[in-house]
Amino acid sequence: MKIMTVSLIAALGLAAAAPAQAQFAFGTGDVPTKIDADKADYKGRLTVLTGQVQVQQGDVRILADTMNVYRADLGGGRLGPIERIDAVGNFYYITPNEKVRGAKGVYEETRDIITITGDVILEDSSGNVGTGSKLIYNLANKEAKMQGDCKGRACRTGRVNILIPGGNGGSL
């Protein structure tokens, strides 16, 4: 299987700097992280959340059916900030300027990225939309790289698709 990679920075106009509150830095800084779920199971540095899970920091949210939340182990039984989130089922990453959805999302704090897989849809506030099978989204510089699982015009499905609305909606 060949992978088609497209940088969506220019295509979707996502290169604009996001406000500070639109970036996750779980458990650090002055903005608290709020987690809601139907059930939480604590297993040391891992917390397994199930049932309409929502993790929110400021006006940024991650939603999914289930999440495994990994926190830093500071030693002596103390836990630090969130290092990783594995979210499965009806995944959403929502900011005031972007909405991303897919089947699964993985947030990696050390790399400052979210990787979304499974029928990914990325939409910005201007109405620009990108779809594909995988999205690697850099939270620091707002760079989005969408991938499809088919290459060439002969493909009926599986390619990266980009919709830029006409009129006043879209921008390049």
N, C-alpha and C. Protein backbone atom coordinates (compact mmCIF):
# COMPACT_ATOMS: atom_id res chain seq x y z
N MET A 1 0.84 -1.18 0.00
CA MET A 1 0.00 0.00 0.00
C MET A 1 0.89 1.24 0.00
N LYS A 2 0.61 2.17 -0.88
CA LYS A 2 1.36 3.41 -0.95
C LYS A 2 0.65 4.49 -0.16
N ILE A 3 1.42 5.38 0.43
CA ILE A 3 0.86 6.47 1.24
C ILE A 3 1.08 7.78 0.50
N MET A 4 0.04 8.57 0.41
CA MET A 4 0.11 9.89 -0.21
C MET A 4 0.10 10.92 0.91
N THR A 5 1.12 11.78 0.97
CA THR A 5 1.20 12.79 2.00
C THR A 5 1.03 14.17 1.38
N VAL A 6 0.20 14.99 1.97
CA VAL A 6 -0.05 16.34 1.49
C VAL A 6 0.05 17.28 2.68
N SER A 7 0.82 18.35 2.54
CA SER A 7 0.87 19.35 3.60
C SER A 7 -0.32 20.28 3.41
N LEU A 8 -1.11 20.42 4.45
CA LEU A 8 -2.33 21.22 4.36
C LEU A 8 -2.15 22.63 4.88
N ILE A 9 -0.93 23.02 5.20
CA ILE A 9 -0.75 24.36 5.75
C ILE A 9 -1.27 25.42 4.80
N ALA A 10 -0.77 25.44 3.58
CA ALA A 10 -1.22 26.46 2.63
C ALA A 10 -2.62 26.16 2.13
N ALA A 11 -2.89 24.89 1.89
CA ALA A 11 -4.18 24.53 1.31
C ALA A 11 -5.35 24.90 2.21
N LEU A 12 -5.21 24.72 3.49
CA LEU A 12 -6.32 25.01 4.39
C LEU A 12 -6.15 26.31 5.17
N GLY A 13 -5.04 27.00 4.97
CA GLY A 13 -4.85 28.26 5.68
C GLY A 13 -4.66 28.07 7.16
N LEU A 14 -4.04 26.94 7.58
CA LEU A 14 -3.87 26.66 9.00
C LEU A 14 -2.56 27.17 9.56
N ALA A 15 -1.82 27.91 8.79
CA ALA A 15 -0.52 28.36 9.26
C ALA A 15 -0.61 29.52 10.24
N ALA A 16 -1.76 30.13 10.35
CA ALA A 16 -1.91 31.25 11.27
C ALA A 16 -1.67 30.80 12.70
N ALA A 17 -0.97 31.59 13.43
CA ALA A 17 -0.66 31.23 14.82
C ALA A 17 -1.94 31.16 15.63
N ALA A 18 -2.01 30.14 16.44
CA ALA A 18 -3.19 29.97 17.29
C ALA A 18 -2.96 30.69 18.61
N PRO A 19 -4.01 31.14 19.24
CA PRO A 19 -3.85 31.77 20.54
C PRO A 19 -3.33 30.75 21.55
N ALA A 20 -2.67 31.23 22.58
CA ALA A 20 -2.04 30.34 23.56
C ALA A 20 -3.03 29.36 24.18
N GLN A 21 -4.26 29.77 24.40
CA GLN A 21 -5.22 28.88 25.03
C GLN A 21 -5.64 27.75 24.11
N ALA A 22 -5.32 27.83 22.83
CA ALA A 22 -5.73 26.80 21.88
C ALA A 22 -4.69 25.68 21.78
N GLN A 23 -3.77 25.61 22.72
CA GLN A 23 -2.78 24.56 22.70
C GLN A 23 -2.80 23.82 24.03
N PHE A 24 -2.65 22.51 23.95
CA PHE A 24 -2.64 21.70 25.16
C PHE A 24 -1.26 21.73 25.79
N ALA A 25 -1.22 21.75 27.09
CA ALA A 25 -0.01 21.57 27.88
C ALA A 25 -0.50 20.96 29.19
N PHE A 26 -1.07 19.79 29.11
CA PHE A 26 -1.79 19.16 30.22
C PHE A 26 -1.03 19.19 31.53
N GLY A 27 -1.69 19.69 32.53
CA GLY A 27 -1.13 19.65 33.88
C GLY A 27 -0.02 20.65 34.13
N THR A 28 0.25 21.53 33.19
CA THR A 28 1.28 22.54 33.38
C THR A 28 0.66 23.92 33.20
N GLY A 29 1.35 24.93 33.65
CA GLY A 29 0.86 26.29 33.47
C GLY A 29 -0.30 26.61 34.40
N ASP A 30 -1.00 27.70 34.07
CA ASP A 30 -2.07 28.21 34.91
C ASP A 30 -3.45 27.69 34.54
N VAL A 31 -3.58 27.06 33.37
CA VAL A 31 -4.88 26.59 32.91
C VAL A 31 -5.09 25.14 33.37
N PRO A 32 -6.11 24.89 34.19
CA PRO A 32 -6.34 23.53 34.66
C PRO A 32 -6.84 22.61 33.56
N THR A 33 -6.60 21.33 33.73
CA THR A 33 -7.12 20.30 32.83
C THR A 33 -8.29 19.63 33.52
N LYS A 34 -9.45 19.61 32.85
CA LYS A 34 -10.66 19.00 33.41
C LYS A 34 -10.97 17.74 32.60
N ILE A 35 -11.24 16.65 33.31
CA ILE A 35 -11.56 15.38 32.67
C ILE A 35 -12.92 14.91 33.16
N ASP A 36 -13.81 14.57 32.21
CA ASP A 36 -15.13 14.03 32.52
C ASP A 36 -15.28 12.69 31.82
N ALA A 37 -15.84 11.71 32.52
CA ALA A 37 -16.10 10.39 31.94
C ALA A 37 -17.15 9.69 32.79
N ASP A 38 -17.75 8.63 32.22
CA ASP A 38 -18.69 7.82 32.99
C ASP A 38 -17.97 6.97 34.03
N LYS A 39 -16.74 6.55 33.70
CA LYS A 39 -16.00 5.65 34.60
C LYS A 39 -14.51 5.92 34.46
N ALA A 40 -13.78 5.83 35.58
CA ALA A 40 -12.33 5.98 35.58
C ALA A 40 -11.71 4.86 36.42
N ASP A 41 -10.74 4.17 35.83
CA ASP A 41 -9.98 3.14 36.53
C ASP A 41 -8.54 3.59 36.62
N TYR A 42 -8.03 3.71 37.87
CA TYR A 42 -6.67 4.18 38.09
C TYR A 42 -5.74 2.98 38.23
N LYS A 43 -4.66 2.99 37.45
CA LYS A 43 -3.67 1.91 37.45
C LYS A 43 -2.28 2.53 37.48
N GLY A 44 -1.92 3.13 38.60
CA GLY A 44 -0.62 3.82 38.69
C GLY A 44 -0.64 5.08 37.85
N ARG A 45 0.31 5.19 36.93
CA ARG A 45 0.38 6.39 36.08
C ARG A 45 -0.61 6.36 34.93
N LEU A 46 -1.33 5.24 34.75
CA LEU A 46 -2.34 5.10 33.70
C LEU A 46 -3.73 5.24 34.30
N THR A 47 -4.54 6.09 33.68
CA THR A 47 -5.96 6.18 34.02
C THR A 47 -6.75 5.78 32.78
N VAL A 48 -7.62 4.78 32.93
CA VAL A 48 -8.46 4.32 31.83
C VAL A 48 -9.84 4.94 32.01
N LEU A 49 -10.24 5.75 31.05
CA LEU A 49 -11.52 6.47 31.10
C LEU A 49 -12.45 5.88 30.05
N THR A 50 -13.70 5.66 30.44
CA THR A 50 -14.68 5.12 29.50
C THR A 50 -15.99 5.89 29.61
N GLY A 51 -16.71 5.94 28.49
CA GLY A 51 -18.05 6.54 28.48
C GLY A 51 -18.06 8.02 28.24
N GLN A 52 -18.21 8.43 26.99
CA GLN A 52 -18.32 9.84 26.61
C GLN A 52 -17.27 10.70 27.31
N VAL A 53 -16.01 10.36 27.07
CA VAL A 53 -14.89 11.02 27.74
C VAL A 53 -14.62 12.39 27.11
N GLN A 54 -14.36 13.36 27.97
CA GLN A 54 -13.97 14.70 27.52
C GLN A 54 -12.81 15.19 28.37
N VAL A 55 -11.72 15.59 27.71
CA VAL A 55 -10.59 16.22 28.37
C VAL A 55 -10.56 17.65 27.85
N GLN A 56 -10.56 18.62 28.77
CA GLN A 56 -10.63 20.02 28.36
C GLN A 56 -9.59 20.84 29.10
N GLN A 57 -8.93 21.71 28.34
CA GLN A 57 -8.02 22.70 28.93
C GLN A 57 -8.31 24.02 28.25
N GLY A 58 -8.82 24.97 29.02
CA GLY A 58 -9.25 26.23 28.42
C GLY A 58 -10.39 25.96 27.45
N ASP A 59 -10.27 26.45 26.22
CA ASP A 59 -11.32 26.23 25.23
C ASP A 59 -10.93 25.16 24.21
N VAL A 60 -10.02 24.27 24.59
CA VAL A 60 -9.60 23.16 23.74
C VAL A 60 -10.09 21.86 24.36
N ARG A 61 -10.72 20.99 23.51
CA ARG A 61 -11.27 19.74 24.02
C ARG A 61 -10.83 18.55 23.17
N ILE A 62 -10.65 17.41 23.85
CA ILE A 62 -10.50 16.12 23.19
C ILE A 62 -11.65 15.25 23.68
N LEU A 63 -12.38 14.66 22.74
CA LEU A 63 -13.52 13.79 23.07
C LEU A 63 -13.28 12.41 22.46
N ALA A 64 -13.76 11.37 23.14
CA ALA A 64 -13.71 10.00 22.60
C ALA A 64 -14.57 9.10 23.47
N ASP A 65 -14.81 7.89 22.96
CA ASP A 65 -15.55 6.90 23.74
C ASP A 65 -14.73 6.38 24.91
N THR A 66 -13.44 6.11 24.66
CA THR A 66 -12.53 5.66 25.72
C THR A 66 -11.19 6.36 25.56
N MET A 67 -10.50 6.53 26.69
CA MET A 67 -9.16 7.14 26.67
C MET A 67 -8.28 6.47 27.70
N ASN A 68 -7.03 6.26 27.31
CA ASN A 68 -5.98 5.89 28.24
C ASN A 68 -5.13 7.13 28.43
N VAL A 69 -5.06 7.63 29.66
CA VAL A 69 -4.32 8.84 29.97
C VAL A 69 -3.09 8.45 30.78
N TYR A 70 -1.92 8.77 30.24
CA TYR A 70 -0.64 8.43 30.89
C TYR A 70 -0.03 9.70 31.46
N ARG A 71 0.33 9.64 32.76
CA ARG A 71 0.95 10.79 33.42
C ARG A 71 2.39 10.48 33.76
N ALA A 72 3.20 11.51 33.86
CA ALA A 72 4.61 11.35 34.22
C ALA A 72 4.72 10.82 35.64
N ASP A 73 5.66 9.92 35.86
CA ASP A 73 5.94 9.39 37.20
C ASP A 73 7.09 10.19 37.79
N LEU A 74 6.79 10.99 38.80
CA LEU A 74 7.78 11.85 39.43
C LEU A 74 8.53 11.15 40.57
N GLY A 75 8.17 9.90 40.84
CA GLY A 75 8.80 9.15 41.92
C GLY A 75 8.12 9.43 43.24
N GLY A 76 8.29 8.51 44.17
CA GLY A 76 7.71 8.68 45.50
C GLY A 76 6.19 8.69 45.48
N GLY A 77 5.58 8.05 44.49
CA GLY A 77 4.12 8.00 44.40
C GLY A 77 3.48 9.26 43.84
N ARG A 78 4.30 10.21 43.39
CA ARG A 78 3.78 11.46 42.84
C ARG A 78 3.67 11.36 41.32
N LEU A 79 2.57 11.88 40.81
CA LEU A 79 2.36 11.91 39.37
C LEU A 79 2.45 13.33 38.84
N GLY A 80 3.02 13.47 37.65
CA GLY A 80 3.18 14.78 37.02
C GLY A 80 2.15 15.01 35.94
N PRO A 81 2.50 15.86 34.98
CA PRO A 81 1.56 16.21 33.92
C PRO A 81 1.29 15.03 32.98
N ILE A 82 0.25 15.19 32.19
CA ILE A 82 -0.12 14.18 31.20
C ILE A 82 0.95 14.14 30.11
N GLU A 83 1.42 12.92 29.79
CA GLU A 83 2.43 12.74 28.75
C GLU A 83 1.82 12.23 27.44
N ARG A 84 0.76 11.45 27.56
CA ARG A 84 0.18 10.82 26.37
C ARG A 84 -1.28 10.50 26.63
N ILE A 85 -2.07 10.61 25.57
CA ILE A 85 -3.47 10.19 25.61
C ILE A 85 -3.72 9.33 24.37
N ASP A 86 -4.23 8.12 24.59
CA ASP A 86 -4.69 7.25 23.50
C ASP A 86 -6.21 7.26 23.57
N ALA A 87 -6.86 7.83 22.55
CA ALA A 87 -8.31 7.99 22.55
C ALA A 87 -8.90 7.18 21.38
N VAL A 88 -9.90 6.35 21.69
CA VAL A 88 -10.47 5.46 20.69
C VAL A 88 -11.98 5.63 20.63
N GLY A 89 -12.50 5.68 19.41
CA GLY A 89 -13.95 5.74 19.20
C GLY A 89 -14.48 7.16 19.20
N ASN A 90 -14.99 7.61 18.07
CA ASN A 90 -15.58 8.94 17.95
C ASN A 90 -14.64 10.03 18.47
N PHE A 91 -13.41 10.00 17.99
CA PHE A 91 -12.40 10.96 18.43
C PHE A 91 -12.67 12.34 17.84
N TYR A 92 -12.57 13.37 18.69
CA TYR A 92 -12.65 14.77 18.26
C TYR A 92 -11.57 15.57 18.95
N TYR A 93 -10.95 16.50 18.22
CA TYR A 93 -10.06 17.51 18.77
C TYR A 93 -10.66 18.83 18.34
N ILE A 94 -11.10 19.65 19.29
CA ILE A 94 -11.86 20.86 18.98
C ILE A 94 -11.20 22.07 19.63
N THR A 95 -10.92 23.09 18.80
CA THR A 95 -10.44 24.38 19.28
C THR A 95 -11.39 25.44 18.73
N PRO A 96 -11.23 26.69 19.11
CA PRO A 96 -12.09 27.73 18.52
C PRO A 96 -11.91 27.87 17.01
N ASN A 97 -10.76 27.42 16.47
CA ASN A 97 -10.48 27.62 15.06
C ASN A 97 -10.46 26.35 14.21
N GLU A 98 -10.37 25.18 14.83
CA GLU A 98 -10.32 23.92 14.09
C GLU A 98 -11.17 22.86 14.77
N LYS A 99 -11.63 21.93 13.93
CA LYS A 99 -12.28 20.74 14.46
C LYS A 99 -11.75 19.56 13.65
N VAL A 100 -11.25 18.55 14.37
CA VAL A 100 -10.72 17.35 13.73
C VAL A 100 -11.47 16.16 14.30
N ARG A 101 -11.87 15.23 13.42
CA ARG A 101 -12.49 14.02 13.93
C ARG A 101 -11.93 12.82 13.18
N GLY A 102 -12.02 11.67 13.85
CA GLY A 102 -11.55 10.42 13.27
C GLY A 102 -11.94 9.28 14.20
N ALA A 103 -11.44 8.09 13.91
CA ALA A 103 -11.75 6.92 14.73
C ALA A 103 -10.87 6.85 15.96
N LYS A 104 -9.60 7.29 15.84
CA LYS A 104 -8.64 7.18 16.94
C LYS A 104 -7.72 8.39 16.92
N GLY A 105 -7.32 8.83 18.12
CA GLY A 105 -6.36 9.92 18.23
C GLY A 105 -5.34 9.63 19.30
N VAL A 106 -4.09 10.01 19.04
CA VAL A 106 -3.02 9.83 20.02
C VAL A 106 -2.33 11.18 20.21
N TYR A 107 -2.37 11.69 21.45
CA TYR A 107 -1.69 12.93 21.80
C TYR A 107 -0.37 12.57 22.45
N GLU A 108 0.74 13.15 21.93
CA GLU A 108 2.06 12.92 22.49
C GLU A 108 2.64 14.25 22.93
N GLU A 109 2.74 14.45 24.23
CA GLU A 109 3.18 15.72 24.78
C GLU A 109 4.61 16.04 24.39
N THR A 110 5.52 15.06 24.42
CA THR A 110 6.93 15.32 24.14
C THR A 110 7.16 15.77 22.70
N ARG A 111 6.33 15.31 21.77
CA ARG A 111 6.44 15.71 20.36
C ARG A 111 5.48 16.84 20.01
N ASP A 112 4.55 17.16 20.91
CA ASP A 112 3.54 18.20 20.73
C ASP A 112 2.71 17.95 19.47
N ILE A 113 2.30 16.67 19.28
CA ILE A 113 1.50 16.32 18.12
C ILE A 113 0.29 15.47 18.53
N ILE A 114 -0.70 15.50 17.67
CA ILE A 114 -1.82 14.58 17.75
C ILE A 114 -1.87 13.85 16.41
N THR A 115 -1.90 12.52 16.47
CA THR A 115 -2.03 11.70 15.28
C THR A 115 -3.44 11.12 15.27
N ILE A 116 -4.19 11.39 14.21
CA ILE A 116 -5.58 10.93 14.11
C ILE A 116 -5.66 9.96 12.93
N THR A 117 -6.34 8.83 13.13
CA THR A 117 -6.49 7.84 12.07
C THR A 117 -7.95 7.44 11.94
N GLY A 118 -8.30 6.91 10.77
CA GLY A 118 -9.64 6.39 10.54
C GLY A 118 -10.63 7.42 10.07
N ASP A 119 -10.79 7.55 8.76
CA ASP A 119 -11.76 8.49 8.18
C ASP A 119 -11.65 9.88 8.80
N VAL A 120 -10.49 10.49 8.67
CA VAL A 120 -10.19 11.77 9.30
C VAL A 120 -10.83 12.92 8.52
N ILE A 121 -11.40 13.86 9.27
CA ILE A 121 -11.94 15.09 8.69
C ILE A 121 -11.38 16.27 9.50
N LEU A 122 -10.75 17.20 8.80
CA LEU A 122 -10.19 18.41 9.41
C LEU A 122 -10.92 19.60 8.81
N GLU A 123 -11.50 20.45 9.67
CA GLU A 123 -12.22 21.63 9.21
C GLU A 123 -11.75 22.84 9.99
N ASP A 124 -11.46 23.94 9.27
CA ASP A 124 -11.07 25.16 9.97
C ASP A 124 -12.24 26.14 10.00
N SER A 125 -12.04 27.25 10.68
CA SER A 125 -13.14 28.20 10.89
C SER A 125 -13.57 28.91 9.61
N SER A 126 -12.78 28.83 8.54
CA SER A 126 -13.15 29.43 7.27
C SER A 126 -13.99 28.50 6.41
N GLY A 127 -14.21 27.28 6.88
CA GLY A 127 -14.98 26.32 6.11
C GLY A 127 -14.15 25.42 5.22
N ASN A 128 -12.82 25.58 5.25
CA ASN A 128 -11.94 24.69 4.50
C ASN A 128 -11.99 23.31 5.14
N VAL A 129 -12.03 22.26 4.31
CA VAL A 129 -12.14 20.89 4.82
C VAL A 129 -11.12 20.01 4.11
N GLY A 130 -10.43 19.17 4.90
CA GLY A 130 -9.53 18.17 4.35
C GLY A 130 -9.92 16.82 4.91
N THR A 131 -9.88 15.78 4.06
CA THR A 131 -10.19 14.43 4.52
C THR A 131 -9.09 13.48 4.06
N GLY A 132 -8.91 12.41 4.82
CA GLY A 132 -7.91 11.40 4.50
C GLY A 132 -7.99 10.26 5.49
N SER A 133 -7.00 9.39 5.45
CA SER A 133 -6.99 8.25 6.36
C SER A 133 -6.15 8.50 7.61
N LYS A 134 -5.23 9.48 7.55
CA LYS A 134 -4.37 9.77 8.70
C LYS A 134 -3.98 11.24 8.68
N LEU A 135 -3.98 11.85 9.86
CA LEU A 135 -3.57 13.24 10.01
C LEU A 135 -2.56 13.32 11.14
N ILE A 136 -1.43 13.96 10.86
CA ILE A 136 -0.45 14.27 11.89
C ILE A 136 -0.49 15.77 12.07
N TYR A 137 -0.91 16.21 13.27
CA TYR A 137 -1.19 17.61 13.53
C TYR A 137 -0.23 18.14 14.59
N ASN A 138 0.65 19.07 14.19
CA ASN A 138 1.62 19.65 15.10
C ASN A 138 0.95 20.82 15.83
N LEU A 139 0.81 20.69 17.13
CA LEU A 139 0.11 21.70 17.92
C LEU A 139 0.92 22.99 18.06
N ALA A 140 2.25 22.88 18.02
CA ALA A 140 3.09 24.05 18.22
C ALA A 140 3.03 25.01 17.03
N ASN A 141 3.16 24.46 15.81
CA ASN A 141 3.21 25.34 14.65
C ASN A 141 1.96 25.24 13.78
N LYS A 142 0.96 24.45 14.22
CA LYS A 142 -0.32 24.29 13.54
C LYS A 142 -0.16 23.64 12.16
N GLU A 143 0.92 22.92 11.93
CA GLU A 143 1.12 22.22 10.66
C GLU A 143 0.32 20.93 10.65
N ALA A 144 -0.40 20.72 9.56
CA ALA A 144 -1.21 19.52 9.42
C ALA A 144 -0.75 18.76 8.18
N LYS A 145 -0.49 17.46 8.34
CA LYS A 145 -0.11 16.61 7.21
C LYS A 145 -1.12 15.49 7.10
N MET A 146 -1.88 15.52 6.03
CA MET A 146 -2.93 14.53 5.80
C MET A 146 -2.38 13.46 4.86
N GLN A 147 -2.73 12.21 5.13
CA GLN A 147 -2.31 11.10 4.28
C GLN A 147 -3.53 10.32 3.82
N GLY A 148 -3.41 9.78 2.62
CA GLY A 148 -4.40 8.86 2.10
C GLY A 148 -3.77 7.50 1.93
N ASP A 149 -4.57 6.50 1.63
CA ASP A 149 -3.99 5.16 1.48
C ASP A 149 -4.05 4.67 0.04
N CYS A 150 -4.22 5.60 -0.91
CA CYS A 150 -4.23 5.24 -2.32
C CYS A 150 -3.56 6.38 -3.09
N LYS A 151 -2.83 6.03 -4.15
CA LYS A 151 -2.10 7.05 -4.90
C LYS A 151 -2.54 7.00 -6.37
N GLY A 152 -2.78 8.16 -6.93
CA GLY A 152 -3.10 8.25 -8.34
C GLY A 152 -4.56 8.56 -8.61
N ARG A 153 -4.82 9.13 -9.80
CA ARG A 153 -6.16 9.53 -10.17
C ARG A 153 -7.10 8.35 -10.39
N ALA A 154 -6.54 7.18 -10.61
CA ALA A 154 -7.39 6.00 -10.83
C ALA A 154 -8.10 5.56 -9.55
N CYS A 155 -7.63 6.01 -8.41
CA CYS A 155 -8.26 5.64 -7.14
C CYS A 155 -9.64 6.29 -7.04
N ARG A 156 -10.62 5.49 -6.70
CA ARG A 156 -11.96 6.04 -6.48
C ARG A 156 -12.12 6.53 -5.05
N THR A 157 -11.43 5.90 -4.12
CA THR A 157 -11.46 6.30 -2.71
C THR A 157 -10.05 6.21 -2.15
N GLY A 158 -9.84 6.75 -0.98
CA GLY A 158 -8.57 6.61 -0.29
C GLY A 158 -7.55 7.70 -0.54
N ARG A 159 -7.90 8.68 -1.36
CA ARG A 159 -6.98 9.79 -1.59
C ARG A 159 -7.32 10.93 -0.64
N VAL A 160 -6.38 11.83 -0.46
CA VAL A 160 -6.62 13.04 0.31
C VAL A 160 -7.54 13.93 -0.50
N ASN A 161 -8.55 14.48 0.15
CA ASN A 161 -9.49 15.40 -0.51
C ASN A 161 -9.47 16.73 0.25
N ILE A 162 -9.49 17.82 -0.51
CA ILE A 162 -9.49 19.16 0.08
C ILE A 162 -10.62 19.95 -0.57
N LEU A 163 -11.43 20.59 0.25
CA LEU A 163 -12.51 21.46 -0.23
C LEU A 163 -12.23 22.87 0.27
N ILE A 164 -12.12 23.80 -0.67
CA ILE A 164 -11.95 25.21 -0.34
C ILE A 164 -13.19 25.93 -0.84
N PRO A 165 -14.03 26.45 0.08
CA PRO A 165 -15.27 27.08 -0.35
C PRO A 165 -15.02 28.31 -1.19
N GLY A 166 -15.95 28.59 -2.09
CA GLY A 166 -15.85 29.79 -2.91
C GLY A 166 -16.31 31.01 -2.16
N GLY A 167 -16.25 32.13 -2.81
CA GLY A 167 -16.72 33.37 -2.20
C GLY A 167 -15.79 33.86 -1.11
N ASN A 168 -16.37 34.30 -0.02
CA ASN A 168 -15.59 34.87 1.08
C ASN A 168 -15.10 33.83 2.07
N GLY A 169 -15.48 32.54 1.89
CA GLY A 169 -15.18 31.53 2.90
C GLY A 169 -13.75 31.08 2.96
N GLY A 170 -13.16 30.63 1.87
CA GLY A 170 -11.85 30.00 1.91
C GLY A 170 -10.73 30.97 1.63
N SER A 171 -9.57 30.61 2.09
CA SER A 171 -8.39 31.43 1.85
C SER A 171 -7.19 30.55 1.66
N LEU A 172 -6.28 31.00 0.82
CA LEU A 172 -5.01 30.30 0.62
C LEU A 172 -3.88 31.16 1.06
